[in-house]
């Protein structure tokens, strides 16, 4: 017993020391000795070789030192204009006025200036002064705004987020020009110092949800934070669930529509993917095309996506259950066709399905990791050659190839990548239960999924709304795409009722 206690204590001590809080930078006031200030900056930055230092002497013999990191700073304008004007300065008042006009900030502590330099700003040291200046010389590098490859639409906006937080905020502001749009900044990551923005519309978003988001963000204690995937794990109500609880998107119009609907958006600098929360289960089956096309077509395609979810999750299990237990439900005309296809297969249907599903996952992953031209070739050649070879060799039945192909196509229909990945994982327990109990096993597994969905929440809000809890009006608003004119009339009626009651 003592051995287990010692082992547990050792394990707990390792867990406690896994993430160490970095030491805070001690406060260092700017000294009147300019050389002492220069040494402090160089020592704090560990004498990095991309630190550039330039000396300028004004007309009244005032010595200035400019220090900046050339890898993150853009000093082209300073080289062409600023240095020349500094040499023409004749007094301290004139010097301070020129520095103030250059979008600068006066700091009393050099320790505060270090963080500004790491973000791309330039430090100005002046001899015989107890303060310093930081100039805005940030170098902005970002790719052009284009449509995301994994969220393409036929009709609508084709602009997507990029890796620059300011550009992403500008895209949202261009779509929502309303004063109630609020942006709150925070910094996450003890080492990376990743700038994060929380966006919501005041008056539309639930204030309790906004407070809960800020509370959970403050609890994130990690050394590095480069994308919203890490935030999603810390924000989820149930991290062990296979169902996603938040939506990640790179489309600016999708993010703007969710903001108008009262949801909250989380952005991080350096990541084109934003996090939408809280959401419902049926939000994963909605696309921008649903609202840009006619309402009948939008409802039809939304229904197709829900059906594709059921097919992708249950179709391999249904095939296994029919071949193993319930062959009597096969239509008479297809009995001999299926019998000829499966009677010489040496493996049970579960092994067939597992082999083909894992092979499909291998082909899919290979296509993603390889360059685009080679990836497309791998997908086509792998699917045709391997599929035809295993059928001719007698390892897999031709019916199984059809089932796996339909399952793969169904999993690609869902517009949100997180739900598509969940569908790929949810089918394996159903396949195992179908091989053990047939249709009873499938129903049992789907019942467990349904119970789990009814209990699952997204930031405290029920994920399976409007079915659990059931709400007919919410069902019409979230699951069915009504005509825009009807929605406007409904909103007007609700506003009239609200005004009359008030």
Protein backbone atom coordinates (compact mmCIF):
# COMPACT_ATOMS: atom_id res chain seq x y z
CA UNK A 1 0.00 0.00 0.00
CA UNK A 2 2.82 2.37 0.83
CA UNK A 3 4.34 1.68 -2.56
CA UNK A 4 1.18 2.86 -4.32
CA UNK A 5 1.01 5.97 -2.14
CA UNK A 6 4.62 6.80 -2.92
CA UNK A 7 3.99 6.23 -6.61
CA UNK A 8 0.89 8.45 -6.53
CA UNK A 9 2.72 11.22 -4.65
CA UNK A 10 5.55 11.07 -7.17
CA UNK A 11 3.06 11.27 -10.03
CA UNK A 12 1.28 14.23 -8.46
CA UNK A 13 4.57 16.02 -7.92
CA UNK A 14 5.45 15.51 -11.57
CA UNK A 15 2.09 16.88 -12.63
CA UNK A 16 2.54 19.89 -10.38
CA UNK A 17 5.92 20.77 -11.88
CA UNK A 18 5.08 20.05 -15.49
CA UNK A 19 4.19 23.69 -16.28
CA UNK A 20 6.27 26.27 -14.47
CA UNK A 21 5.23 29.87 -14.25
CA UNK A 22 7.88 31.99 -15.99
CA UNK A 23 9.51 34.56 -13.73
CA UNK A 24 8.16 38.07 -14.08
CA UNK A 25 10.49 40.64 -15.57
CA UNK A 26 11.70 42.87 -12.73
CA UNK A 27 10.85 46.52 -13.03
CA UNK A 28 13.76 48.59 -14.38
CA UNK A 29 13.26 52.38 -14.47
CA UNK A 30 14.98 54.26 -17.26
CA UNK A 31 18.32 55.56 -16.05
CA UNK A 32 19.93 58.90 -16.79
CA UNK A 33 22.94 56.91 -17.97
CA UNK A 34 22.12 55.97 -21.56
CA UNK A 35 24.83 53.32 -21.71
CA UNK A 36 23.31 51.55 -18.72
CA UNK A 37 19.96 51.50 -20.53
CA UNK A 38 21.55 50.05 -23.66
CA UNK A 39 23.21 47.27 -21.69
CA UNK A 40 19.95 46.40 -19.96
CA UNK A 41 18.09 46.06 -23.27
CA UNK A 42 20.81 43.87 -24.79
CA UNK A 43 21.07 41.64 -21.74
CA UNK A 44 17.30 41.23 -21.47
CA UNK A 45 17.16 40.16 -25.12
CA UNK A 46 20.18 37.87 -24.58
CA UNK A 47 22.29 39.70 -27.16
CA UNK A 48 20.16 38.44 -30.02
CA UNK A 49 21.76 39.18 -33.39
CA UNK A 50 18.63 40.61 -34.99
CA UNK A 51 18.72 43.52 -32.52
CA UNK A 52 19.74 46.64 -34.44
CA UNK A 53 21.17 49.72 -32.72
CA UNK A 54 21.57 53.11 -34.42
CA UNK A 55 23.10 56.27 -32.99
CA UNK A 56 21.82 59.73 -33.96
CA UNK A 57 23.24 63.09 -32.85
CA UNK A 58 20.99 66.15 -33.16
CA UNK A 59 22.06 69.74 -33.92
CA UNK A 60 22.10 70.61 -30.22
CA UNK A 61 24.44 67.65 -29.55
CA UNK A 62 21.82 65.38 -28.04
CA UNK A 63 22.67 61.68 -28.37
CA UNK A 64 19.87 59.27 -29.25
CA UNK A 65 19.95 55.51 -29.68
CA UNK A 66 17.36 53.60 -31.72
CA UNK A 67 17.01 49.93 -30.90
CA UNK A 68 14.66 47.55 -32.72
CA UNK A 69 14.38 43.95 -33.87
CA UNK A 70 14.83 43.97 -37.62
CA UNK A 71 12.90 40.70 -38.05
CA UNK A 72 9.60 42.17 -36.78
CA UNK A 73 10.03 45.90 -37.40
CA UNK A 74 9.53 47.96 -40.54
CA UNK A 75 11.88 50.95 -40.42
CA UNK A 76 11.81 51.96 -44.09
CA UNK A 77 9.89 55.17 -43.38
CA UNK A 78 12.20 56.00 -40.48
CA UNK A 79 15.30 55.57 -42.64
CA UNK A 80 13.93 57.83 -45.37
CA UNK A 81 12.39 60.59 -43.32
CA UNK A 82 12.69 60.34 -39.58
CA UNK A 83 16.47 60.20 -39.10
CA UNK A 84 16.98 63.20 -41.39
CA UNK A 85 14.54 65.33 -39.40
CA UNK A 86 16.10 64.31 -36.10
CA UNK A 87 19.44 65.77 -37.11
CA UNK A 88 17.75 69.15 -37.70
CA UNK A 89 16.34 69.35 -34.16
CA UNK A 90 17.63 72.30 -32.13
CA UNK A 91 16.02 71.86 -28.68
CA UNK A 92 14.66 69.26 -26.29
CA UNK A 93 11.11 70.56 -26.73
CA UNK A 94 11.37 70.21 -30.49
CA UNK A 95 12.71 66.66 -30.07
CA UNK A 96 9.88 65.57 -27.82
CA UNK A 97 7.30 67.15 -30.16
CA UNK A 98 8.72 65.27 -33.17
CA UNK A 99 8.72 61.97 -31.28
CA UNK A 100 5.16 62.53 -30.12
CA UNK A 101 3.99 63.21 -33.68
CA UNK A 102 5.39 59.86 -34.84
CA UNK A 103 2.72 57.73 -33.09
CA UNK A 104 4.88 57.13 -30.05
CA UNK A 105 4.40 56.49 -26.36
CA UNK A 106 6.51 57.70 -23.44
CA UNK A 107 7.54 55.04 -20.92
CA UNK A 108 9.25 55.44 -17.56
CA UNK A 109 10.39 51.81 -17.31
CA UNK A 110 12.58 50.00 -19.80
CA UNK A 111 11.08 46.71 -18.64
CA UNK A 112 7.77 47.80 -20.22
CA UNK A 113 9.53 48.72 -23.45
CA UNK A 114 10.90 45.18 -23.95
CA UNK A 115 7.43 43.75 -24.62
CA UNK A 116 6.78 46.58 -27.09
CA UNK A 117 9.99 45.80 -28.96
CA UNK A 118 9.05 42.13 -29.23
CA UNK A 119 5.83 43.17 -30.95
CA UNK A 120 7.74 45.19 -33.57
CA UNK A 121 8.07 48.65 -32.07
CA UNK A 122 11.30 50.66 -31.92
CA UNK A 123 12.86 51.94 -28.70
CA UNK A 124 14.30 55.45 -28.49
CA UNK A 125 16.83 56.17 -25.73
CA UNK A 126 17.75 59.77 -24.99
CA UNK A 127 20.78 60.73 -22.93
CA UNK A 128 20.27 62.42 -19.58
CA UNK A 129 16.54 61.60 -19.46
CA UNK A 130 14.65 59.37 -17.07
CA UNK A 131 12.20 58.14 -19.73
CA UNK A 132 12.20 56.55 -23.17
CA UNK A 133 9.96 56.43 -26.25
CA UNK A 134 8.58 53.54 -28.27
CA UNK A 135 7.64 54.19 -31.89
CA UNK A 136 5.04 52.24 -33.86
CA UNK A 137 7.11 50.48 -36.53
CA UNK A 138 5.36 47.12 -36.58
CA UNK A 139 5.89 45.07 -39.71
CA UNK A 140 2.60 43.58 -40.92
CA UNK A 141 2.91 40.44 -43.06
CA UNK A 142 -0.24 38.64 -44.15
CA UNK A 143 -1.56 36.78 -47.13
CA UNK A 144 -4.30 38.08 -49.37
CA UNK A 145 -7.91 37.70 -48.32
CA UNK A 146 -9.39 34.75 -50.19
CA UNK A 147 -12.03 32.08 -49.85
CA UNK A 148 -11.16 29.25 -47.43
CA UNK A 149 -10.45 25.97 -49.20
CA UNK A 150 -12.45 23.89 -46.72
CA UNK A 151 -15.58 26.12 -46.63
CA UNK A 152 -16.37 26.99 -50.20
CA UNK A 153 -19.82 28.20 -51.23
CA UNK A 154 -21.50 28.66 -54.59
CA UNK A 155 -23.26 31.94 -53.91
CA UNK A 156 -22.19 34.54 -51.42
CA UNK A 157 -19.08 36.22 -50.07
CA UNK A 158 -15.73 34.68 -50.96
CA UNK A 159 -13.62 36.43 -48.31
CA UNK A 160 -12.05 34.49 -45.48
CA UNK A 161 -9.95 35.23 -42.45
CA UNK A 162 -6.15 35.40 -42.56
CA UNK A 163 -3.40 35.07 -39.96
CA UNK A 164 -3.52 38.75 -38.99
CA UNK A 165 -5.89 39.72 -36.17
CA UNK A 166 -6.32 43.33 -37.32
CA UNK A 167 -7.31 42.25 -40.82
CA UNK A 168 -9.82 39.75 -39.42
CA UNK A 169 -11.39 42.40 -37.21
CA UNK A 170 -11.62 44.72 -40.21
CA UNK A 171 -13.46 42.04 -42.21
CA UNK A 172 -16.02 41.67 -39.44
CA UNK A 173 -16.38 45.43 -39.01
CA UNK A 174 -17.00 45.82 -42.74
CA UNK A 175 -19.90 43.34 -42.52
CA UNK A 176 -21.33 44.68 -39.23
CA UNK A 177 -21.20 48.48 -39.09
CA UNK A 178 -23.03 48.76 -35.81
CA UNK A 179 -21.96 50.51 -32.59
CA UNK A 180 -23.08 47.56 -30.43
CA UNK A 181 -20.28 45.34 -31.79
CA UNK A 182 -17.83 45.01 -28.89
CA UNK A 183 -14.21 43.81 -29.07
CA UNK A 184 -12.39 42.77 -25.89
CA UNK A 185 -8.65 41.97 -25.99
CA UNK A 186 -6.70 39.58 -23.81
CA UNK A 187 -3.33 37.86 -23.93
CA UNK A 188 -2.95 34.09 -23.61
CA UNK A 189 0.17 31.95 -23.39
CA UNK A 190 2.89 32.51 -20.81
CA UNK A 191 5.62 32.39 -23.45
CA UNK A 192 3.91 33.02 -26.78
CA UNK A 193 1.88 36.04 -25.50
CA UNK A 194 -0.78 35.46 -28.14
CA UNK A 195 -3.17 38.35 -28.58
CA UNK A 196 -6.77 37.17 -28.41
CA UNK A 197 -9.99 39.04 -29.17
CA UNK A 198 -13.51 38.28 -27.95
CA UNK A 199 -16.29 39.72 -30.13
CA UNK A 200 -19.97 40.00 -29.31
CA UNK A 201 -22.89 42.35 -29.91
CA UNK A 202 -24.03 44.09 -26.77
CA UNK A 203 -27.76 43.61 -26.33
CA UNK A 204 -27.91 40.47 -28.47
CA UNK A 205 -25.38 38.21 -26.74
CA UNK A 206 -26.25 36.75 -23.36
CA UNK A 207 -24.34 38.69 -20.72
CA UNK A 208 -23.96 35.56 -18.57
CA UNK A 209 -22.37 33.73 -21.52
CA UNK A 210 -19.94 36.60 -22.09
CA UNK A 211 -18.93 36.61 -18.43
CA UNK A 212 -18.48 32.84 -18.46
CA UNK A 213 -16.23 33.08 -21.53
CA UNK A 214 -13.99 35.66 -19.88
CA UNK A 215 -13.88 33.55 -16.71
CA UNK A 216 -12.77 30.46 -18.61
CA UNK A 217 -10.23 32.40 -20.65
CA UNK A 218 -8.60 33.63 -17.43
CA UNK A 219 -8.19 30.02 -16.31
CA UNK A 220 -6.11 29.09 -19.36
CA UNK A 221 -2.54 28.65 -18.14
CA UNK A 222 -0.33 27.34 -20.93
CA UNK A 223 3.13 28.24 -22.13
CA UNK A 224 2.23 28.44 -25.81
CA UNK A 225 -1.04 29.26 -27.53
CA UNK A 226 -0.88 29.44 -31.31
CA UNK A 227 -4.45 28.62 -32.38
CA UNK A 228 -8.04 28.37 -31.23
CA UNK A 229 -7.83 24.57 -30.89
CA UNK A 230 -6.20 24.94 -27.48
CA UNK A 231 -8.86 27.45 -26.40
CA UNK A 232 -11.59 25.05 -27.53
CA UNK A 233 -10.35 22.32 -25.21
CA UNK A 234 -10.32 24.67 -22.23
CA UNK A 235 -13.76 26.07 -23.07
CA UNK A 236 -15.59 22.78 -23.66
CA UNK A 237 -18.08 21.56 -21.07
CA UNK A 238 -17.21 17.90 -21.80
CA UNK A 239 -13.76 17.31 -23.30
CA UNK A 240 -14.34 13.54 -23.53
CA UNK A 241 -17.34 13.82 -25.83
CA UNK A 242 -16.97 12.83 -29.47
CA UNK A 243 -19.42 15.55 -30.49
CA UNK A 244 -17.97 19.03 -31.07
CA UNK A 245 -19.44 21.72 -28.86
CA UNK A 246 -18.20 24.77 -30.75
CA UNK A 247 -17.91 25.73 -34.41
CA UNK A 248 -14.62 26.82 -35.95
CA UNK A 249 -14.80 28.74 -39.20
CA UNK A 250 -12.60 30.76 -41.55
CA UNK A 251 -15.50 32.53 -43.27
CA UNK A 252 -16.07 36.16 -42.34
CA UNK A 253 -19.76 36.09 -43.34
CA UNK A 254 -20.45 33.03 -41.18
CA UNK A 255 -18.82 34.73 -38.20
CA UNK A 256 -20.81 37.93 -38.80
CA UNK A 257 -24.12 36.05 -39.06
CA UNK A 258 -23.41 34.24 -35.80
CA UNK A 259 -22.60 37.53 -34.09
CA UNK A 260 -25.93 38.96 -35.23
CA UNK A 261 -27.66 35.83 -33.90
CA UNK A 262 -26.26 36.59 -30.43
CA UNK A 263 -23.25 34.29 -30.35
CA UNK A 264 -19.68 35.13 -29.32
CA UNK A 265 -16.57 34.93 -31.51
CA UNK A 266 -13.03 34.25 -30.26
CA UNK A 267 -10.07 35.19 -32.50
CA UNK A 268 -6.35 34.69 -31.99
CA UNK A 269 -3.52 36.45 -33.73
CA UNK A 270 -1.72 34.16 -36.16
CA UNK A 271 -4.67 31.81 -36.74
CA UNK A 272 -7.25 32.26 -39.53
CA UNK A 273 -9.76 30.07 -37.70
CA UNK A 274 -12.20 31.68 -35.28
CA UNK A 275 -14.30 29.99 -32.62
CA UNK A 276 -18.10 30.41 -32.51
CA UNK A 277 -19.87 29.71 -29.22
CA UNK A 278 -22.30 28.65 -27.91
CA UNK A 279 -23.93 26.59 -30.69
CA UNK A 280 -26.51 23.85 -31.12
CA UNK A 281 -26.22 20.46 -32.79
CA UNK A 282 -28.08 21.59 -35.91
CA UNK A 283 -25.79 24.60 -36.38
CA UNK A 284 -23.21 22.19 -37.81
CA UNK A 285 -25.54 21.37 -40.73
CA UNK A 286 -26.17 24.97 -41.78
CA UNK A 287 -24.34 26.60 -44.66
CA UNK A 288 -24.24 30.13 -46.02
CA UNK A 289 -25.71 28.80 -49.26
CA UNK A 290 -28.93 27.97 -47.36
CA UNK A 291 -29.63 31.67 -46.89
CA UNK A 292 -28.32 32.86 -50.25
CA UNK A 293 -30.45 30.40 -52.26
CA UNK A 294 -34.23 30.08 -52.38
CA UNK A 295 -35.76 28.81 -49.17
CA UNK A 296 -37.14 25.60 -50.66
CA UNK A 297 -33.73 24.59 -51.99
CA UNK A 298 -32.09 25.64 -48.73
CA UNK A 299 -34.38 23.40 -46.69
CA UNK A 300 -33.87 20.49 -49.09
CA UNK A 301 -30.08 20.63 -48.87
CA UNK A 302 -30.20 21.05 -45.10
CA UNK A 303 -32.36 17.92 -44.92
CA UNK A 304 -29.85 16.12 -47.16
CA UNK A 305 -27.06 16.97 -44.70
CA UNK A 306 -28.97 15.54 -41.75
CA UNK A 307 -29.71 12.36 -43.71
CA UNK A 308 -26.04 12.13 -44.70
CA UNK A 309 -25.10 12.28 -41.00
CA UNK A 310 -27.34 9.29 -40.27
CA UNK A 311 -25.98 7.39 -43.28
CA UNK A 312 -22.34 8.08 -42.44
CA UNK A 313 -22.83 6.87 -38.87
CA UNK A 314 -25.11 3.86 -39.38
CA UNK A 315 -24.68 2.50 -42.93
CA UNK A 316 -21.68 0.17 -42.28
CA UNK A 317 -23.39 -1.08 -39.12
CA UNK A 318 -26.63 -1.78 -41.01
CA UNK A 319 -24.74 -3.78 -43.62
CA UNK A 320 -22.96 -5.82 -40.93
CA UNK A 321 -26.24 -6.47 -39.08
CA UNK A 322 -28.05 -7.60 -42.25
CA UNK A 323 -25.29 -9.95 -43.43
CA UNK A 324 -24.68 -11.39 -39.95
CA UNK A 325 -28.15 -11.63 -38.38
CA UNK A 326 -31.01 -10.26 -40.49
CA UNK A 327 -30.45 -11.64 -43.98
CA UNK A 328 -34.20 -12.44 -44.16
CA UNK A 329 -35.02 -8.76 -44.82
CA UNK A 330 -33.05 -8.78 -48.08
CA UNK A 331 -35.47 -8.48 -51.04
CA UNK A 332 -35.94 -11.71 -52.97
CA UNK A 333 -34.51 -10.32 -56.19
CA UNK A 334 -31.26 -9.31 -54.47
CA UNK A 335 -30.75 -12.50 -52.46
CA UNK A 336 -28.66 -14.32 -55.06
CA UNK A 337 -26.67 -11.19 -55.96
CA UNK A 338 -25.62 -10.58 -52.36
CA UNK A 339 -25.11 -14.31 -51.76
CA UNK A 340 -22.68 -14.55 -54.67
CA UNK A 341 -20.83 -11.45 -53.45
CA UNK A 342 -20.27 -12.54 -49.84
CA UNK A 343 -20.27 -16.33 -49.72
CA UNK A 344 -16.61 -16.72 -50.70
CA UNK A 345 -15.27 -13.93 -48.44
CA UNK A 346 -13.04 -15.55 -45.79
CA UNK A 347 -13.60 -12.84 -43.16
CA UNK A 348 -16.70 -11.81 -41.19
CA UNK A 349 -18.43 -8.54 -42.21
CA UNK A 350 -16.97 -6.65 -39.24
CA UNK A 351 -13.39 -7.40 -40.39
CA UNK A 352 -14.36 -6.39 -43.92
CA UNK A 353 -15.79 -3.09 -42.79
CA UNK A 354 -12.91 -2.30 -40.43
CA UNK A 355 -10.33 -3.07 -43.12
CA UNK A 356 -12.01 -0.84 -45.71
CA UNK A 357 -12.74 1.99 -43.30
CA UNK A 358 -9.14 2.08 -42.07
CA UNK A 359 -7.88 1.87 -45.65
CA UNK A 360 -10.09 4.82 -46.56
CA UNK A 361 -8.72 6.80 -43.61
CA UNK A 362 -5.17 6.07 -44.75
CA UNK A 363 -5.93 7.28 -48.28
CA UNK A 364 -7.63 10.39 -46.90
CA UNK A 365 -4.73 11.28 -44.62
CA UNK A 366 -2.20 10.64 -47.38
CA UNK A 367 -4.14 12.93 -49.70
CA UNK A 368 -4.13 15.70 -47.10
CA UNK A 369 -0.43 15.53 -46.24
CA UNK A 370 0.88 15.29 -49.79
CA UNK A 371 1.02 18.26 -52.19
CA UNK A 372 -2.26 18.98 -53.97
CA UNK A 373 -1.51 17.41 -57.40
CA UNK A 374 -0.05 14.28 -55.83
CA UNK A 375 -2.80 14.12 -53.20
CA UNK A 376 -5.53 14.05 -55.83
CA UNK A 377 -3.68 11.29 -57.68
CA UNK A 378 -3.33 9.24 -54.51
CA UNK A 379 -7.07 9.54 -53.81
CA UNK A 380 -8.14 8.46 -57.29
CA UNK A 381 -5.52 5.76 -57.86
CA UNK A 382 -5.79 4.42 -54.32
CA UNK A 383 -9.56 4.19 -54.45
CA UNK A 384 -9.72 2.54 -57.86
CA UNK A 385 -6.69 0.26 -57.73
CA UNK A 386 -7.03 -0.92 -54.13
CA UNK A 387 -10.81 -1.31 -54.36
CA UNK A 388 -10.65 -3.33 -57.55
CA UNK A 389 -7.70 -5.41 -56.32
CA UNK A 390 -9.27 -6.46 -53.01
CA UNK A 391 -12.52 -7.43 -54.74
CA UNK A 392 -10.75 -9.52 -57.41
CA UNK A 393 -8.58 -11.15 -54.75
CA UNK A 394 -11.68 -12.20 -52.82
CA UNK A 395 -10.84 -10.39 -49.59
CA UNK A 396 -13.70 -7.85 -49.73
CA UNK A 397 -17.14 -8.12 -51.30
CA UNK A 398 -18.25 -5.67 -53.95
CA UNK A 399 -21.26 -4.73 -51.79
CA UNK A 400 -18.90 -3.61 -49.05
CA UNK A 401 -17.08 -1.32 -51.52
CA UNK A 402 -20.41 0.34 -52.35
CA UNK A 403 -21.28 0.73 -48.66
CA UNK A 404 -17.90 2.27 -47.79
CA UNK A 405 -18.07 4.62 -50.79
CA UNK A 406 -21.54 5.86 -49.81
CA UNK A 407 -20.37 6.29 -46.22
CA UNK A 408 -17.36 8.34 -47.31
CA UNK A 409 -19.46 10.56 -49.58
CA UNK A 410 -21.99 11.12 -46.80
CA UNK A 411 -19.27 12.21 -44.37
CA UNK A 412 -18.09 14.89 -46.83
CA UNK A 413 -21.51 16.55 -47.11
CA UNK A 414 -21.44 18.20 -43.67
CA UNK A 415 -20.02 21.75 -44.05
CA UNK A 416 -18.27 21.86 -40.65
CA UNK A 417 -15.03 19.88 -40.42
CA UNK A 418 -15.35 19.12 -36.68
CA UNK A 419 -18.67 17.33 -37.18
CA UNK A 420 -17.25 15.42 -40.15
CA UNK A 421 -14.45 14.10 -37.95
CA UNK A 422 -16.96 13.14 -35.26
CA UNK A 423 -19.00 11.19 -37.81
CA UNK A 424 -15.91 9.21 -38.80
CA UNK A 425 -15.41 8.11 -35.18
CA UNK A 426 -19.05 7.54 -34.22
CA UNK A 427 -19.53 4.75 -36.77
CA UNK A 428 -16.99 2.36 -35.18
CA UNK A 429 -18.97 1.62 -31.95
CA UNK A 430 -22.08 1.06 -34.07
CA UNK A 431 -20.19 -1.39 -36.29
CA UNK A 432 -19.01 -3.36 -33.25
CA UNK A 433 -22.46 -3.44 -31.64
CA UNK A 434 -24.06 -4.47 -34.95
CA UNK A 435 -21.67 -7.43 -35.22
CA UNK A 436 -22.67 -8.53 -31.68
CA UNK A 437 -26.42 -7.87 -31.49
CA UNK A 438 -27.55 -6.85 -34.97
CA UNK A 439 -30.22 -4.17 -35.19
CA UNK A 440 -30.68 -4.32 -31.43
CA UNK A 441 -27.03 -3.28 -31.02
CA UNK A 442 -27.48 -0.40 -33.48
CA UNK A 443 -30.57 0.87 -31.65
CA UNK A 444 -28.79 0.53 -28.30
CA UNK A 445 -25.77 2.52 -29.54
CA UNK A 446 -27.93 5.23 -31.12
CA UNK A 447 -29.90 5.49 -27.88
CA UNK A 448 -26.68 6.06 -25.95
CA UNK A 449 -25.70 8.76 -28.47
CA UNK A 450 -29.10 10.42 -28.14
CA UNK A 451 -29.01 10.40 -24.33
CA UNK A 452 -25.52 11.86 -24.43
CA UNK A 453 -26.64 14.61 -26.85
CA UNK A 454 -29.58 15.48 -24.62
CA UNK A 455 -27.23 15.90 -21.64
CA UNK A 456 -24.46 17.69 -23.54
CA UNK A 457 -24.16 21.46 -23.26
CA UNK A 458 -22.29 24.17 -25.11
CA UNK A 459 -21.12 26.76 -22.61
CA UNK A 460 -24.02 25.83 -20.35
CA UNK A 461 -26.60 25.96 -23.16
CA UNK A 462 -28.29 22.69 -24.29
CA UNK A 463 -26.52 21.41 -27.40
CA UNK A 464 -29.51 19.42 -28.70
CA UNK A 465 -31.90 22.37 -28.60
CA UNK A 466 -34.67 22.67 -29.87
CA UNK A 467 -35.33 18.93 -29.43
CA UNK A 468 -34.04 18.73 -25.86
CA UNK A 469 -35.66 20.75 -24.42
CA UNK A 470 -38.29 20.65 -27.16
CA UNK A 471 -39.34 24.02 -28.55
CA UNK A 472 -41.54 24.18 -31.63
CA UNK A 473 -40.76 27.83 -32.34
CA UNK A 474 -37.05 27.21 -31.95
CA UNK A 475 -37.38 24.23 -34.29
CA UNK A 476 -38.81 26.48 -37.00
CA UNK A 477 -36.08 29.06 -36.52
CA UNK A 478 -33.04 26.79 -36.25
CA UNK A 479 -33.80 23.60 -38.14
CA UNK A 480 -36.13 24.91 -40.89
CA UNK A 481 -35.05 27.75 -43.13
CA UNK A 482 -38.11 30.00 -43.45
CA UNK A 483 -38.42 32.64 -46.20
CA UNK A 484 -36.77 35.92 -45.29
CA UNK A 485 -40.09 37.77 -45.63
CA UNK A 486 -41.76 35.45 -43.13
CA UNK A 487 -38.89 35.85 -40.70
CA UNK A 488 -39.15 39.63 -40.96
CA UNK A 489 -42.89 39.49 -40.33
CA UNK A 490 -42.38 37.24 -37.32
CA UNK A 491 -39.78 39.62 -35.91
CA UNK A 492 -42.13 42.56 -36.42
CA UNK A 493 -44.96 40.75 -34.62
CA UNK A 494 -42.68 39.90 -31.71
CA UNK A 495 -41.51 43.52 -31.49
CA UNK A 496 -45.11 44.73 -31.50
CA UNK A 497 -46.01 42.31 -28.70
CA UNK A 498 -42.99 43.43 -26.71
CA UNK A 499 -43.83 47.13 -27.15
CA UNK A 500 -47.49 46.61 -26.28
CA UNK A 501 -46.64 44.65 -23.15
CA UNK A 502 -44.12 47.24 -22.04
